[in-house]
Amino acid sequence: MKRVMISVMVLFISVGAFAQANGSSYQTAIGVKFYPGAISVKHFTQSNRALEGLGYFWNYGFRFTGLYEFHGDIQGAKGLKWYAGPGAHVGFWNDDWKNRYPDRDRGVAIGIDGVLGLDYKISGAPLNISIDWQPSFNLVGYSYFESGWGGVGIRYTIK
C-alpha cells in the first residue's frame, strides 16, 4: 500500500504541465495523508471554504471520507490557515476485520466525521502541508466513537 501512495505522489509531482500555485494560496491540491494512510484531494469552492475527499486503504479494508471545511487566516502567518468542519464516511471491511472482530457487524461502516486542523501553503513552491484531528462516530455497522483519525497531509498544489 505504501508503494501505491508513493507512486501516486511521484506521478502528481512529475506532472509539470499543470499550472502550479507558487504563491501563498491555492485552489486545488492532491496528495497523501498519513494515518492510517489516505489519498487526499482538496478543492476550495470559495476563498474560505473547501471540500476534501480522503480514500483510506489499509489491511482491514477501505474507507472514503468527505469533509466540508471552513478556513480562516491566522494573523501574522502568511499561508497558514486554521480549518474546521463536518463530514461523513463510508467504509468496507474485509475478512481480516471480520475474523479479528467476530462480535461486530460485518462488512460496512457509515458515519459522521468532524475535522479541526492547520493548513500551510508553502510560498514559492507547489506544496501544501496540513495537520489535523478527525474524530468520527460510526452509525451503521459497529457503532462506536473513534478519536484516533487525523494526521499529516502533504499535497501538490495544481491551481
Protein backbone atom coordinates (compact mmCIF):
# COMPACT_ATOMS: atom_id res chain seq x y z
CA MET A 1 0.00 0.00 0.00
CA LYS A 2 2.86 2.38 0.76
CA ARG A 3 4.21 1.74 -2.74
CA VAL A 4 0.87 2.77 -4.27
CA MET A 5 0.75 6.04 -2.31
CA ILE A 6 4.38 6.85 -3.14
CA SER A 7 3.71 6.13 -6.82
CA VAL A 8 0.69 8.43 -6.80
CA MET A 9 2.73 11.23 -5.23
CA VAL A 10 5.55 10.82 -7.76
CA LEU A 11 3.00 10.90 -10.59
CA PHE A 12 1.43 14.15 -9.41
CA ILE A 13 4.73 15.84 -8.65
CA SER A 14 6.17 14.89 -12.02
CA VAL A 15 3.26 16.36 -13.99
CA GLY A 16 4.73 19.76 -14.79
CA ALA A 17 2.12 20.73 -17.38
CA PHE A 18 -0.36 21.87 -14.73
CA ALA A 19 -0.43 25.49 -13.65
CA GLN A 20 1.24 25.47 -10.27
CA ALA A 21 0.20 27.60 -7.33
CA ASN A 22 3.51 29.09 -6.24
CA GLY A 23 2.08 31.87 -4.05
CA SER A 24 0.77 31.55 -0.52
CA SER A 25 -2.68 30.26 -1.54
CA TYR A 26 -4.07 27.52 -3.77
CA GLN A 27 -7.37 26.25 -5.14
CA THR A 28 -6.81 22.51 -5.65
CA ALA A 29 -4.27 20.10 -4.20
CA ILE A 30 -3.69 16.34 -4.49
CA GLY A 31 -1.52 14.19 -2.27
CA VAL A 32 -1.39 11.86 0.69
CA LYS A 33 -2.37 11.97 4.34
CA PHE A 34 -0.57 9.81 6.85
CA TYR A 35 -2.60 7.90 9.42
CA PRO A 36 -3.67 5.45 8.64
CA GLY A 37 -2.75 6.39 5.05
CA ALA A 38 -5.01 8.10 2.53
CA ILE A 39 -5.10 9.68 -0.88
CA SER A 40 -6.28 13.26 -0.39
CA VAL A 41 -7.90 15.73 -2.79
CA LYS A 42 -8.73 19.21 -1.51
CA HIS A 43 -10.55 21.89 -3.52
CA PHE A 44 -11.56 25.38 -2.41
CA THR A 45 -15.06 26.32 -3.56
CA GLN A 46 -14.68 29.80 -2.02
CA SER A 47 -11.67 31.57 -0.52
CA ASN A 48 -12.62 30.30 2.95
CA ARG A 49 -14.42 27.01 2.16
CA ALA A 50 -13.05 23.74 0.86
CA LEU A 51 -14.14 20.19 0.08
CA GLU A 52 -11.75 17.38 0.92
CA GLY A 53 -12.05 13.77 -0.17
CA LEU A 54 -9.98 11.08 1.52
CA GLY A 55 -9.60 7.49 0.33
CA TYR A 56 -8.08 5.32 3.07
CA PHE A 57 -6.66 1.90 2.26
CA TRP A 58 -5.24 -0.47 4.88
CA ASN A 59 -5.08 -4.12 5.84
CA TYR A 60 -8.70 -4.14 7.10
CA GLY A 61 -10.36 -2.60 4.05
CA PHE A 62 -11.24 0.77 2.54
CA ARG A 63 -12.88 3.96 3.81
CA PHE A 64 -13.94 7.07 1.90
CA THR A 65 -14.43 10.31 3.84
CA GLY A 66 -15.83 13.59 2.55
CA LEU A 67 -15.25 16.79 4.55
CA TYR A 68 -16.65 20.32 4.24
CA GLU A 69 -14.07 22.68 5.73
CA PHE A 70 -14.31 26.29 6.89
CA HIS A 71 -10.90 28.02 6.65
CA GLY A 72 -9.66 31.15 8.41
CA ASP A 73 -6.42 33.10 8.15
CA ILE A 74 -4.02 33.24 11.09
CA GLN A 75 -2.84 36.82 11.55
CA GLY A 76 0.89 37.32 11.01
CA ALA A 77 1.44 33.91 9.39
CA LYS A 78 1.12 34.22 5.61
CA GLY A 79 -0.03 30.96 4.05
CA LEU A 80 -1.18 29.44 7.38
CA LYS A 81 -4.88 28.83 7.97
CA TRP A 82 -6.94 27.06 10.62
CA TYR A 83 -9.84 24.89 9.47
CA ALA A 84 -12.77 23.01 10.95
CA GLY A 85 -15.90 21.35 9.64
CA PRO A 86 -18.26 18.39 9.35
CA GLY A 87 -18.15 15.35 7.13
CA ALA A 88 -19.24 11.77 6.60
CA HIS A 89 -17.65 8.43 5.78
CA VAL A 90 -18.42 5.02 4.36
CA GLY A 91 -16.12 2.05 4.84
CA PHE A 92 -15.96 -1.55 3.75
CA TRP A 93 -14.16 -4.14 5.87
CA ASN A 94 -12.52 -7.28 4.55
CA ASP A 95 -12.30 -10.78 6.02
CA ASP A 96 -9.29 -9.88 8.21
CA TRP A 97 -11.51 -7.38 10.07
CA LYS A 98 -14.34 -9.88 10.35
CA ASN A 99 -12.01 -12.60 11.68
CA ARG A 100 -10.33 -10.30 14.23
CA TYR A 101 -13.63 -8.81 15.50
CA PRO A 102 -16.28 -11.53 15.08
CA ASP A 103 -18.68 -9.85 17.55
CA ARG A 104 -19.01 -6.72 15.38
CA ASP A 105 -21.37 -6.17 12.47
CA ARG A 106 -19.86 -7.23 9.21
CA GLY A 107 -18.93 -5.53 6.01
CA VAL A 108 -19.92 -1.87 6.03
CA ALA A 109 -19.46 1.18 8.24
CA ILE A 110 -21.23 4.50 7.73
CA GLY A 111 -20.87 7.51 9.98
CA ILE A 112 -20.21 11.18 10.61
CA ASP A 113 -16.90 12.99 10.97
CA GLY A 114 -15.52 16.28 12.16
CA VAL A 115 -12.17 17.89 11.44
CA LEU A 116 -10.01 20.51 13.16
CA GLY A 117 -6.60 21.45 11.82
CA LEU A 118 -3.95 23.73 10.37
CA ASP A 119 -3.20 24.14 6.65
CA TYR A 120 0.01 25.72 5.31
CA LYS A 121 0.75 26.60 1.67
CA ILE A 122 4.50 26.89 1.14
CA SER A 123 5.10 30.18 -0.67
CA GLY A 124 7.16 29.80 -3.83
CA ALA A 125 6.60 26.05 -4.05
CA PRO A 126 3.65 23.98 -5.30
CA LEU A 127 3.29 22.25 -1.91
CA ASN A 128 0.74 22.30 0.88
CA ILE A 129 1.12 20.71 4.32
CA SER A 130 -1.64 20.13 6.84
CA ILE A 131 -2.07 18.57 10.26
CA ASP A 132 -5.45 17.76 11.73
CA TRP A 133 -7.60 15.76 14.11
CA GLN A 134 -10.58 13.97 12.60
CA PRO A 135 -12.88 12.37 15.18
CA SER A 136 -15.67 10.19 13.82
CA PHE A 137 -18.71 8.31 15.01
CA ASN A 138 -19.80 5.15 13.25
CA LEU A 139 -23.60 4.91 12.98
CA VAL A 140 -24.17 1.90 10.68
CA GLY A 141 -22.25 -1.30 11.23
CA TYR A 142 -20.47 -1.49 14.55
CA SER A 143 -21.42 1.77 16.36
CA TYR A 144 -18.54 3.48 18.15
CA PHE A 145 -16.68 6.77 18.58
CA GLU A 146 -13.21 6.90 17.02
CA SER A 147 -10.92 9.67 18.24
CA GLY A 148 -7.73 8.45 16.59
CA TRP A 149 -8.23 9.60 12.97
CA GLY A 150 -6.33 12.54 11.57
CA GLY A 151 -2.73 13.11 10.61
CA VAL A 152 -0.27 14.95 8.44
CA GLY A 153 -1.12 15.72 4.81
CA ILE A 154 1.33 16.56 2.03
CA ARG A 155 -0.22 17.76 -1.23
CA TYR A 156 0.88 19.03 -4.63
CA THR A 157 -1.00 22.22 -5.49
CA ILE A 158 -2.41 22.42 -9.00
CA LYS A 159 -4.03 25.88 -9.12
